[in-house]
Amino acid sequence: MLKKKGFTIGEKINFGSFSKVYRAKYNKKDIAVKVIDLEKTSADYRNKFLPRELYTLRKLRHPNIVSIYEIFTIGPKIYIFMDLADGGDILDYLKANGPIPEEKCKIWFKQAADALAYVHSYGIVHRDLKIENILLDKKGSAKLTDFGFSRTIFDPRTGKRLLSETYCGSAAYCAPEVIRGSPYNPMLADVWSMGVLLFVMANNAFPFEDSDLAKMLYRQMNKKWEHTKKVEKLLSPEMKDIIQKMLEPDISKRLTMTKVLAHPWLRGVQNTALKN
């Protein structure tokens, strides 16, 4: 079936607990395919999270979001054919190069922020933002991926905006309201995660240690974080300011994605590719 549609599968390049990613070709073009083995997934994933992810993937089209070519269900497996990101992810870049210089941070962050603002414009939230989910293509552009925890923020029956209650994502990137376990505005939780993401890009370290969640929550709520000494003196006041305003524990004061993109630090940034 796949060959008849023009798709062929090559070598494995990544894997998770219930999925594998392979190189693939579509009519001779190099792409990737994520293969999900439904027999290894939970009922909760099959009935709730997977349908949301597939809905999101089919709906979104943006230059800084990994594009989907086709989705097939064959037996107990789902094949998601998508863009190939030859440059790895930002975690790979940090491991190889250390802290990312501010100007490079600015371009990659702007691309990811543009993508997230686009996602939010459709009433969809990501809920698992982290450096591993920002891929780099061979031209050096950042691409947002992994919508496994995504969902719409509107009730399909009433159209009313919904709060989230699910603890999603990696603890180190989670906003304090998510850590507390209270109903939360997932768009603002995404903004917090973007703040952590930018901090990690610049420092090659996390603002909060997540081994003790109670202690982490205390530090989040009391703004007890700081840049590494080596990096702190290199960052512009504008970059420090945007990070501080995204890592704002008071959701009434935290920036929205619209305000993030309007921040002076991102003023005049062109959405250009960067060679890794």
C-alpha atoms as a PDB file:
ATOM      1  CA  MET A   1       0.000   0.000   0.000  1.00  0.00           C
ATOM      2  CA  LEU A   2       2.728   2.478   0.969  1.00  0.00           C
ATOM      3  CA  LYS A   3       4.779   1.854  -2.186  1.00  0.00           C
ATOM      4  CA  LYS A   4       1.698   2.323  -4.345  1.00  0.00           C
ATOM      5  CA  LYS A   5       1.264   5.754  -2.748  1.00  0.00           C
ATOM      6  CA  GLY A   6       4.909   6.652  -3.467  1.00  0.00           C
ATOM      7  CA  PHE A   7       6.313   6.067   0.046  1.00  0.00           C
ATOM      8  CA  THR A   8       9.281   3.878   1.001  1.00  0.00           C
ATOM      9  CA  ILE A   9      10.827   3.380   4.461  1.00  0.00           C
ATOM     10  CA  GLY A  10      14.575   3.324   5.195  1.00  0.00           C
ATOM     11  CA  GLU A  11      16.806   3.158   8.270  1.00  0.00           C
ATOM     12  CA  LYS A  12      15.678   3.836  11.842  1.00  0.00           C
ATOM     13  CA  ILE A  13      16.853   7.196  13.213  1.00  0.00           C
ATOM     14  CA  ASN A  14      15.033   7.462  16.561  1.00  0.00           C
ATOM     15  CA  PHE A  15      12.693   5.553  18.847  1.00  0.00           C
ATOM     16  CA  GLY A  16      10.436   5.920  21.873  1.00  0.00           C
ATOM     17  CA  SER A  17       8.473   3.580  24.129  1.00  0.00           C
ATOM     18  CA  PHE A  18       5.778   2.921  21.524  1.00  0.00           C
ATOM     19  CA  SER A  19       7.007   4.605  18.345  1.00  0.00           C
ATOM     20  CA  LYS A  20       9.974   4.601  15.990  1.00  0.00           C
ATOM     21  CA  VAL A  21      11.147   7.191  13.470  1.00  0.00           C
ATOM     22  CA  TYR A  22      12.681   6.135  10.157  1.00  0.00           C
ATOM     23  CA  ARG A  23      14.141   7.863   7.160  1.00  0.00           C
ATOM     24  CA  ALA A  24      11.738   7.596   4.248  1.00  0.00           C
ATOM     25  CA  LYS A  25      11.225   8.760   0.699  1.00  0.00           C
ATOM     26  CA  TYR A  26       8.195  10.194  -1.027  1.00  0.00           C
ATOM     27  CA  ASN A  27       8.568  10.208  -4.807  1.00  0.00           C
ATOM     28  CA  LYS A  28      12.388  10.353  -4.319  1.00  0.00           C
ATOM     29  CA  LYS A  29      12.219  13.215  -1.787  1.00  0.00           C
ATOM     30  CA  ASP A  30      13.926  12.563   1.564  1.00  0.00           C
ATOM     31  CA  ILE A  31      11.388  12.673   4.401  1.00  0.00           C
ATOM     32  CA  ALA A  32      10.758  10.851   7.708  1.00  0.00           C
ATOM     33  CA  VAL A  33       8.066   8.560   9.047  1.00  0.00           C
ATOM     34  CA  LYS A  34       6.930   8.067  12.639  1.00  0.00           C
ATOM     35  CA  VAL A  35       5.502   4.589  13.185  1.00  0.00           C
ATOM     36  CA  ILE A  36       3.255   4.212  16.232  1.00  0.00           C
ATOM     37  CA  ASP A  37       2.572   0.678  17.478  1.00  0.00           C
ATOM     38  CA  LEU A  38      -0.928   0.889  18.959  1.00  0.00           C
ATOM     39  CA  GLU A  39      -0.522  -2.467  20.719  1.00  0.00           C
ATOM     40  CA  LYS A  40       2.139  -0.873  22.951  1.00  0.00           C
ATOM     41  CA  THR A  41       0.048   2.179  23.855  1.00  0.00           C
ATOM     42  CA  SER A  42      -2.410   2.761  26.687  1.00  0.00           C
ATOM     43  CA  ALA A  43      -6.158   3.059  26.176  1.00  0.00           C
ATOM     44  CA  ASP A  44      -5.920   6.660  27.377  1.00  0.00           C
ATOM     45  CA  TYR A  45      -3.378   7.455  24.658  1.00  0.00           C
ATOM     46  CA  ARG A  46      -5.368   5.688  21.916  1.00  0.00           C
ATOM     47  CA  ASN A  47      -8.703   7.226  22.864  1.00  0.00           C
ATOM     48  CA  LYS A  48      -7.675  10.733  23.943  1.00  0.00           C
ATOM     49  CA  PHE A  49      -4.159  11.884  23.108  1.00  0.00           C
ATOM     50  CA  LEU A  50      -3.619  10.225  19.712  1.00  0.00           C
ATOM     51  CA  PRO A  51      -6.859  11.548  18.128  1.00  0.00           C
ATOM     52  CA  ARG A  52      -5.936  15.055  19.321  1.00  0.00           C
ATOM     53  CA  GLU A  53      -2.432  14.748  17.870  1.00  0.00           C
ATOM     54  CA  LEU A  54      -3.698  13.529  14.493  1.00  0.00           C
ATOM     55  CA  TYR A  55      -6.316  16.306  14.395  1.00  0.00           C
ATOM     56  CA  THR A  56      -3.608  18.892  15.074  1.00  0.00           C
ATOM     57  CA  LEU A  57      -1.162  17.481  12.537  1.00  0.00           C
ATOM     58  CA  ARG A  58      -3.779  17.489   9.782  1.00  0.00           C
ATOM     59  CA  LYS A  59      -4.867  21.051  10.555  1.00  0.00           C
ATOM     60  CA  LEU A  60      -1.602  22.969  10.905  1.00  0.00           C
ATOM     61  CA  ARG A  61       0.545  24.252   8.033  1.00  0.00           C
ATOM     62  CA  HIS A  62       3.391  26.624   8.922  1.00  0.00           C
ATOM     63  CA  PRO A  63       7.014  26.989   7.725  1.00  0.00           C
ATOM     64  CA  ASN A  64       8.272  26.420  11.278  1.00  0.00           C
ATOM     65  CA  ILE A  65       6.110  23.393  12.056  1.00  0.00           C
ATOM     66  CA  VAL A  66       7.092  19.939  10.815  1.00  0.00           C
ATOM     67  CA  SER A  67       4.806  19.320   7.818  1.00  0.00           C
ATOM     68  CA  ILE A  68       2.801  16.132   7.387  1.00  0.00           C
ATOM     69  CA  TYR A  69       2.516  14.407   4.007  1.00  0.00           C
ATOM     70  CA  GLU A  70       0.169  11.530   4.776  1.00  0.00           C
ATOM     71  CA  ILE A  71      -1.127   9.486   7.702  1.00  0.00           C
ATOM     72  CA  PHE A  72      -1.914   5.789   7.204  1.00  0.00           C
ATOM     73  CA  THR A  73      -3.352   3.166   9.540  1.00  0.00           C
ATOM     74  CA  ILE A  74      -2.229  -0.346   8.609  1.00  0.00           C
ATOM     75  CA  GLY A  75      -3.190  -3.055  11.081  1.00  0.00           C
ATOM     76  CA  PRO A  76      -2.107  -2.055  14.596  1.00  0.00           C
ATOM     77  CA  LYS A  77       0.324   0.599  13.329  1.00  0.00           C
ATOM     78  CA  ILE A  78      -0.038   4.237  12.345  1.00  0.00           C
ATOM     79  CA  TYR A  79       2.416   5.720   9.840  1.00  0.00           C
ATOM     80  CA  ILE A  80       2.888   9.489   9.948  1.00  0.00           C
ATOM     81  CA  PHE A  81       5.007  10.682   7.008  1.00  0.00           C
ATOM     82  CA  MET A  82       6.559  14.077   7.715  1.00  0.00           C
ATOM     83  CA  ASP A  83       9.408  16.479   6.991  1.00  0.00           C
ATOM     84  CA  LEU A  84      12.895  15.194   7.703  1.00  0.00           C
ATOM     85  CA  ALA A  85      14.868  17.380  10.120  1.00  0.00           C
ATOM     86  CA  ASP A  86      18.462  16.541   9.195  1.00  0.00           C
ATOM     87  CA  GLY A  87      19.956  18.911  11.758  1.00  0.00           C
ATOM     88  CA  GLY A  88      18.753  17.035  14.852  1.00  0.00           C
ATOM     89  CA  ASP A  89      17.144  19.049  17.647  1.00  0.00           C
ATOM     90  CA  ILE A  90      18.260  21.923  19.854  1.00  0.00           C
ATOM     91  CA  LEU A  91      19.280  19.502  22.609  1.00  0.00           C
ATOM     92  CA  ASP A  92      21.703  17.868  20.160  1.00  0.00           C
ATOM     93  CA  TYR A  93      23.064  21.316  19.299  1.00  0.00           C
ATOM     94  CA  LEU A  94      23.581  22.217  22.971  1.00  0.00           C
ATOM     95  CA  LYS A  95      25.368  18.933  23.673  1.00  0.00           C
ATOM     96  CA  ALA A  96      27.751  19.564  20.781  1.00  0.00           C
ATOM     97  CA  ASN A  97      28.283  23.311  21.162  1.00  0.00           C
ATOM     98  CA  GLY A  98      27.290  24.485  24.637  1.00  0.00           C
ATOM     99  CA  PRO A  99      25.272  27.686  25.278  1.00  0.00           C
ATOM    100  CA  ILE A 100      23.809  29.220  22.126  1.00  0.00           C
ATOM    101  CA  PRO A 101      24.932  32.799  21.327  1.00  0.00           C
ATOM    102  CA  GLU A 102      22.208  35.409  21.752  1.00  0.00           C
ATOM    103  CA  GLU A 103      21.788  36.248  18.059  1.00  0.00           C
ATOM    104  CA  LYS A 104      21.320  32.583  17.150  1.00  0.00           C
ATOM    105  CA  CYS A 105      18.964  32.154  20.129  1.00  0.00           C
ATOM    106  CA  LYS A 106      16.970  35.080  18.856  1.00  0.00           C
ATOM    107  CA  ILE A 107      16.405  33.630  15.379  1.00  0.00           C
ATOM    108  CA  TRP A 108      15.569  30.087  16.501  1.00  0.00           C
ATOM    109  CA  PHE A 109      13.370  31.321  19.322  1.00  0.00           C
ATOM    110  CA  LYS A 110      11.536  33.709  16.964  1.00  0.00           C
ATOM    111  CA  GLN A 111      10.851  30.847  14.556  1.00  0.00           C
ATOM    112  CA  ALA A 112       9.523  28.628  17.353  1.00  0.00           C
ATOM    113  CA  ALA A 113       7.480  31.512  18.793  1.00  0.00           C
ATOM    114  CA  ASP A 114       5.970  32.284  15.372  1.00  0.00           C
ATOM    115  CA  ALA A 115       4.969  28.628  15.096  1.00  0.00           C
ATOM    116  CA  LEU A 116       3.439  28.539  18.578  1.00  0.00           C
ATOM    117  CA  ALA A 117       1.531  31.793  18.053  1.00  0.00           C
ATOM    118  CA  TYR A 118       0.127  30.257  14.854  1.00  0.00           C
ATOM    119  CA  VAL A 119      -0.904  27.126  16.800  1.00  0.00           C
ATOM    120  CA  HIS A 120      -2.587  29.301  19.445  1.00  0.00           C
ATOM    121  CA  SER A 121      -4.421  31.252  16.724  1.00  0.00           C
ATOM    122  CA  TYR A 122      -6.303  28.020  15.914  1.00  0.00           C
ATOM    123  CA  GLY A 123      -7.314  27.585  19.544  1.00  0.00           C
ATOM    124  CA  ILE A 124      -4.810  24.744  19.952  1.00  0.00           C
ATOM    125  CA  VAL A 125      -2.173  24.409  22.669  1.00  0.00           C
ATOM    126  CA  HIS A 126       1.026  22.331  22.568  1.00  0.00           C
ATOM    127  CA  ARG A 127       1.578  21.474  26.272  1.00  0.00           C
ATOM    128  CA  ASP A 128       4.936  19.715  25.756  1.00  0.00           C
ATOM    129  CA  LEU A 129       7.338  22.458  24.702  1.00  0.00           C
ATOM    130  CA  LYS A 130      11.011  21.626  25.274  1.00  0.00           C
ATOM    131  CA  ILE A 131      14.288  21.860  23.385  1.00  0.00           C
ATOM    132  CA  GLU A 132      13.965  18.266  22.158  1.00  0.00           C
ATOM    133  CA  ASN A 133      10.773  19.288  20.354  1.00  0.00           C
ATOM    134  CA  ILE A 134      12.444  22.047  18.357  1.00  0.00           C
ATOM    135  CA  LEU A 135      14.042  20.354  15.356  1.00  0.00           C
ATOM    136  CA  LEU A 136      16.550  21.873  12.935  1.00  0.00           C
ATOM    137  CA  ASP A 137      16.353  21.252   9.200  1.00  0.00           C
ATOM    138  CA  LYS A 138      19.341  21.105   6.843  1.00  0.00           C
ATOM    139  CA  LYS A 139      18.962  24.822   6.086  1.00  0.00           C
ATOM    140  CA  GLY A 140      19.222  25.677   9.782  1.00  0.00           C
ATOM    141  CA  SER A 141      15.577  26.590  10.396  1.00  0.00           C
ATOM    142  CA  ALA A 142      13.790  25.646  13.620  1.00  0.00           C
ATOM    143  CA  LYS A 143      10.712  23.416  13.347  1.00  0.00           C
ATOM    144  CA  LEU A 144       8.194  22.766  16.122  1.00  0.00           C
ATOM    145  CA  THR A 145       7.185  19.125  16.473  1.00  0.00           C
ATOM    146  CA  ASP A 146       5.566  16.494  18.753  1.00  0.00           C
ATOM    147  CA  PHE A 147       1.937  17.423  19.290  1.00  0.00           C
ATOM    148  CA  GLY A 148       1.196  14.346  21.412  1.00  0.00           C
ATOM    149  CA  PHE A 149      -0.207  16.449  24.283  1.00  0.00           C
ATOM    150  CA  SER A 150      -1.878  19.074  22.100  1.00  0.00           C
ATOM    151  CA  ARG A 151      -5.566  19.862  22.410  1.00  0.00           C
ATOM    152  CA  THR A 152      -8.128  22.459  21.449  1.00  0.00           C
ATOM    153  CA  ILE A 153      -9.019  24.945  24.168  1.00  0.00           C
ATOM    154  CA  PHE A 154     -12.677  25.177  23.132  1.00  0.00           C
ATOM    155  CA  ASP A 155     -15.513  22.832  24.059  1.00  0.00           C
ATOM    156  CA  PRO A 156     -16.760  21.448  20.696  1.00  0.00           C
ATOM    157  CA  ARG A 157     -20.352  21.394  21.984  1.00  0.00           C
ATOM    158  CA  THR A 158     -20.606  24.831  23.574  1.00  0.00           C
ATOM    159  CA  GLY A 159     -17.691  26.741  22.060  1.00  0.00           C
ATOM    160  CA  LYS A 160     -16.670  27.855  25.540  1.00  0.00           C
ATOM    161  CA  ARG A 161     -12.987  28.130  26.416  1.00  0.00           C
ATOM    162  CA  LEU A 162     -11.755  25.248  28.565  1.00  0.00           C
ATOM    163  CA  LEU A 163      -9.086  25.155  31.237  1.00  0.00           C
ATOM    164  CA  SER A 164      -6.697  22.199  31.302  1.00  0.00           C
ATOM    165  CA  GLU A 165      -6.375  19.851  34.249  1.00  0.00           C
ATOM    166  CA  THR A 166      -3.952  17.272  32.844  1.00  0.00           C
ATOM    167  CA  TYR A 167      -0.344  17.322  34.048  1.00  0.00           C
ATOM    168  CA  CYS A 168       1.462  17.419  30.705  1.00  0.00           C
ATOM    169  CA  GLY A 169       5.027  17.643  29.535  1.00  0.00           C
ATOM    170  CA  SER A 170       8.384  17.507  31.307  1.00  0.00           C
ATOM    171  CA  ALA A 171       8.427  18.839  34.876  1.00  0.00           C
ATOM    172  CA  ALA A 172      11.410  21.137  34.289  1.00  0.00           C
ATOM    173  CA  TYR A 173       9.372  23.036  31.668  1.00  0.00           C
ATOM    174  CA  CYS A 174       6.062  23.072  33.558  1.00  0.00           C
ATOM    175  CA  ALA A 175       4.512  26.296  34.832  1.00  0.00           C
ATOM    176  CA  PRO A 176       3.807  26.545  38.580  1.00  0.00           C
ATOM    177  CA  GLU A 177       0.052  26.300  38.038  1.00  0.00           C
ATOM    178  CA  VAL A 178       0.613  22.962  36.258  1.00  0.00           C
ATOM    179  CA  ILE A 179       2.879  21.691  39.052  1.00  0.00           C
ATOM    180  CA  ARG A 180       0.204  22.659  41.616  1.00  0.00           C
ATOM    181  CA  GLY A 181      -2.353  20.489  39.841  1.00  0.00           C
ATOM    182  CA  SER A 182      -4.982  23.219  39.638  1.00  0.00           C
ATOM    183  CA  PRO A 183      -7.021  23.944  36.465  1.00  0.00           C
ATOM    184  CA  TYR A 184      -4.864  26.185  34.285  1.00  0.00           C
ATOM    185  CA  ASN A 185      -4.870  28.313  31.143  1.00  0.00           C
ATOM    186  CA  PRO A 186      -2.803  26.124  28.781  1.00  0.00           C
ATOM    187  CA  MET A 187      -1.850  29.011  26.489  1.00  0.00           C
ATOM    188  CA  LEU A 188      -0.126  30.800  29.363  1.00  0.00           C
ATOM    189  CA  ALA A 189       1.442  27.515  30.478  1.00  0.00           C
ATOM    190  CA  ASP A 190       2.895  27.220  26.955  1.00  0.00           C
ATOM    191  CA  VAL A 191       4.401  30.703  27.364  1.00  0.00           C
ATOM    192  CA  TRP A 192       6.112  29.658  30.607  1.00  0.00           C
ATOM    193  CA  SER A 193       7.554  26.603  28.825  1.00  0.00           C
ATOM    194  CA  MET A 194       8.873  28.876  26.072  1.00  0.00           C
ATOM    195  CA  GLY A 195      10.572  30.955  28.764  1.00  0.00           C
ATOM    196  CA  VAL A 196      12.286  27.858  30.141  1.00  0.00           C
ATOM    197  CA  LEU A 197      13.199  26.813  26.610  1.00  0.00           C
ATOM    198  CA  LEU A 198      14.861  30.170  25.879  1.00  0.00           C
ATOM    199  CA  PHE A 199      16.694  30.105  29.224  1.00  0.00           C
ATOM    200  CA  VAL A 200      18.048  26.626  28.435  1.00  0.00           C
ATOM    201  CA  MET A 201      19.154  27.689  24.952  1.00  0.00           C
ATOM    202  CA  ALA A 202      21.133  30.603  26.384  1.00  0.00           C
ATOM    203  CA  ASN A 203      22.548  28.902  29.498  1.00  0.00           C
ATOM    204  CA  ASN A 204      22.738  25.211  28.615  1.00  0.00           C
ATOM    205  CA  ALA A 205      21.182  24.727  32.059  1.00  0.00           C
ATOM    206  CA  PHE A 206      17.693  24.792  33.580  1.00  0.00           C
ATOM    207  CA  PRO A 207      16.353  27.673  35.674  1.00  0.00           C
ATOM    208  CA  PHE A 208      14.787  25.198  38.127  1.00  0.00           C
ATOM    209  CA  GLU A 209      15.905  21.811  39.449  1.00  0.00           C
ATOM    210  CA  ASP A 210      12.988  19.366  39.061  1.00  0.00           C
ATOM    211  CA  SER A 211      14.082  16.509  41.364  1.00  0.00           C
ATOM    212  CA  ASP A 212      11.923  17.912  44.201  1.00  0.00           C
ATOM    213  CA  LEU A 213       8.671  19.373  42.852  1.00  0.00           C
ATOM    214  CA  ALA A 214       7.676  21.064  46.119  1.00  0.00           C
ATOM    215  CA  LYS A 215      11.008  22.870  46.265  1.00  0.00           C
ATOM    216  CA  MET A 216      10.789  23.649  42.551  1.00  0.00           C
ATOM    217  CA  LEU A 217       7.319  25.187  42.984  1.00  0.00           C
ATOM    218  CA  TYR A 218       8.591  27.356  45.841  1.00  0.00           C
ATOM    219  CA  ARG A 219      11.466  28.627  43.700  1.00  0.00           C
ATOM    220  CA  GLN A 220       9.141  29.264  40.751  1.00  0.00           C
ATOM    221  CA  MET A 221       6.663  31.248  42.830  1.00  0.00           C
ATOM    222  CA  ASN A 222       9.427  33.306  44.446  1.00  0.00           C
ATOM    223  CA  LYS A 223      11.384  33.883  41.221  1.00  0.00           C
ATOM    224  CA  LYS A 224      14.459  32.201  42.663  1.00  0.00           C
ATOM    225  CA  TRP A 225      16.397  31.571  39.481  1.00  0.00           C
ATOM    226  CA  GLU A 226      19.403  33.173  37.843  1.00  0.00           C
ATOM    227  CA  HIS A 227      21.491  32.899  34.704  1.00  0.00           C
ATOM    228  CA  THR A 228      24.842  31.130  34.884  1.00  0.00           C
ATOM    229  CA  LYS A 229      27.622  33.558  35.763  1.00  0.00           C
ATOM    230  CA  LYS A 230      29.450  32.961  32.489  1.00  0.00           C
ATOM    231  CA  VAL A 231      26.363  33.696  30.379  1.00  0.00           C
ATOM    232  CA  GLU A 232      24.711  36.404  32.495  1.00  0.00           C
ATOM    233  CA  LYS A 233      27.261  39.076  31.585  1.00  0.00           C
ATOM    234  CA  LEU A 234      26.897  38.306  27.866  1.00  0.00           C
ATOM    235  CA  LEU A 235      23.112  38.673  27.588  1.00  0.00           C
ATOM    236  CA  SER A 236      21.431  41.912  26.586  1.00  0.00           C
ATOM    237  CA  PRO A 237      19.007  43.584  29.028  1.00  0.00           C
ATOM    238  CA  GLU A 238      16.214  42.941  26.494  1.00  0.00           C
ATOM    239  CA  MET A 239      16.854  39.199  26.443  1.00  0.00           C
ATOM    240  CA  LYS A 240      16.922  39.026  30.232  1.00  0.00           C
ATOM    241  CA  ASP A 241      13.668  40.981  30.313  1.00  0.00           C
ATOM    242  CA  ILE A 242      11.733  38.724  27.929  1.00  0.00           C
ATOM    243  CA  ILE A 243      12.810  35.616  29.854  1.00  0.00           C
ATOM    244  CA  GLN A 244      11.803  37.222  33.146  1.00  0.00           C
ATOM    245  CA  LYS A 245       8.377  38.174  31.780  1.00  0.00           C
ATOM    246  CA  MET A 246       7.716  34.661  30.455  1.00  0.00           C
ATOM    247  CA  LEU A 247       8.835  33.099  33.754  1.00  0.00           C
ATOM    248  CA  GLU A 248       6.306  35.218  35.638  1.00  0.00           C
ATOM    249  CA  PRO A 249       4.423  33.091  38.203  1.00  0.00           C
ATOM    250  CA  ASP A 250       1.471  35.532  38.282  1.00  0.00           C
ATOM    251  CA  ILE A 251      -0.526  34.577  35.194  1.00  0.00           C
ATOM    252  CA  SER A 252      -2.194  38.005  35.115  1.00  0.00           C
ATOM    253  CA  LYS A 253       1.269  39.503  34.480  1.00  0.00           C
ATOM    254  CA  ARG A 254       2.802  36.791  32.280  1.00  0.00           C
ATOM    255  CA  LEU A 255       3.180  37.665  28.604  1.00  0.00           C
ATOM    256  CA  THR A 256       0.860  36.143  26.003  1.00  0.00           C
ATOM    257  CA  MET A 257       2.438  34.841  22.797  1.00  0.00           C
ATOM    258  CA  THR A 258       1.230  37.971  20.990  1.00  0.00           C
ATOM    259  CA  LYS A 259       3.120  40.116  23.512  1.00  0.00           C
ATOM    260  CA  VAL A 260       6.161  37.840  23.338  1.00  0.00           C
ATOM    261  CA  LEU A 261       6.400  38.456  19.596  1.00  0.00           C
ATOM    262  CA  ALA A 262       5.959  42.204  20.126  1.00  0.00           C
ATOM    263  CA  HIS A 263       8.735  42.372  22.741  1.00  0.00           C
ATOM    264  CA  PRO A 264      11.661  44.731  21.917  1.00  0.00           C
ATOM    265  CA  TRP A 265      14.124  41.820  21.989  1.00  0.00           C
ATOM    266  CA  LEU A 266      12.463  40.319  18.895  1.00  0.00           C
ATOM    267  CA  ARG A 267      11.944  43.598  17.080  1.00  0.00           C
ATOM    268  CA  GLY A 268      13.213  43.439  13.516  1.00  0.00           C
ATOM    269  CA  VAL A 269      14.184  39.752  13.632  1.00  0.00           C
ATOM    270  CA  GLN A 270      13.919  38.192  10.194  1.00  0.00           C
ATOM    271  CA  ASN A 271      12.739  34.597   9.886  1.00  0.00           C
ATOM    272  CA  THR A 272      15.960  33.468   8.217  1.00  0.00           C
ATOM    273  CA  ALA A 273      17.643  30.083   8.294  1.00  0.00           C
ATOM    274  CA  LEU A 274      20.889  29.526  10.201  1.00  0.00           C
ATOM    275  CA  LYS A 275      23.540  27.018   9.296  1.00  0.00           C
ATOM    276  CA  ASN A 276      24.209  24.798  12.311  1.00  0.00           C
END
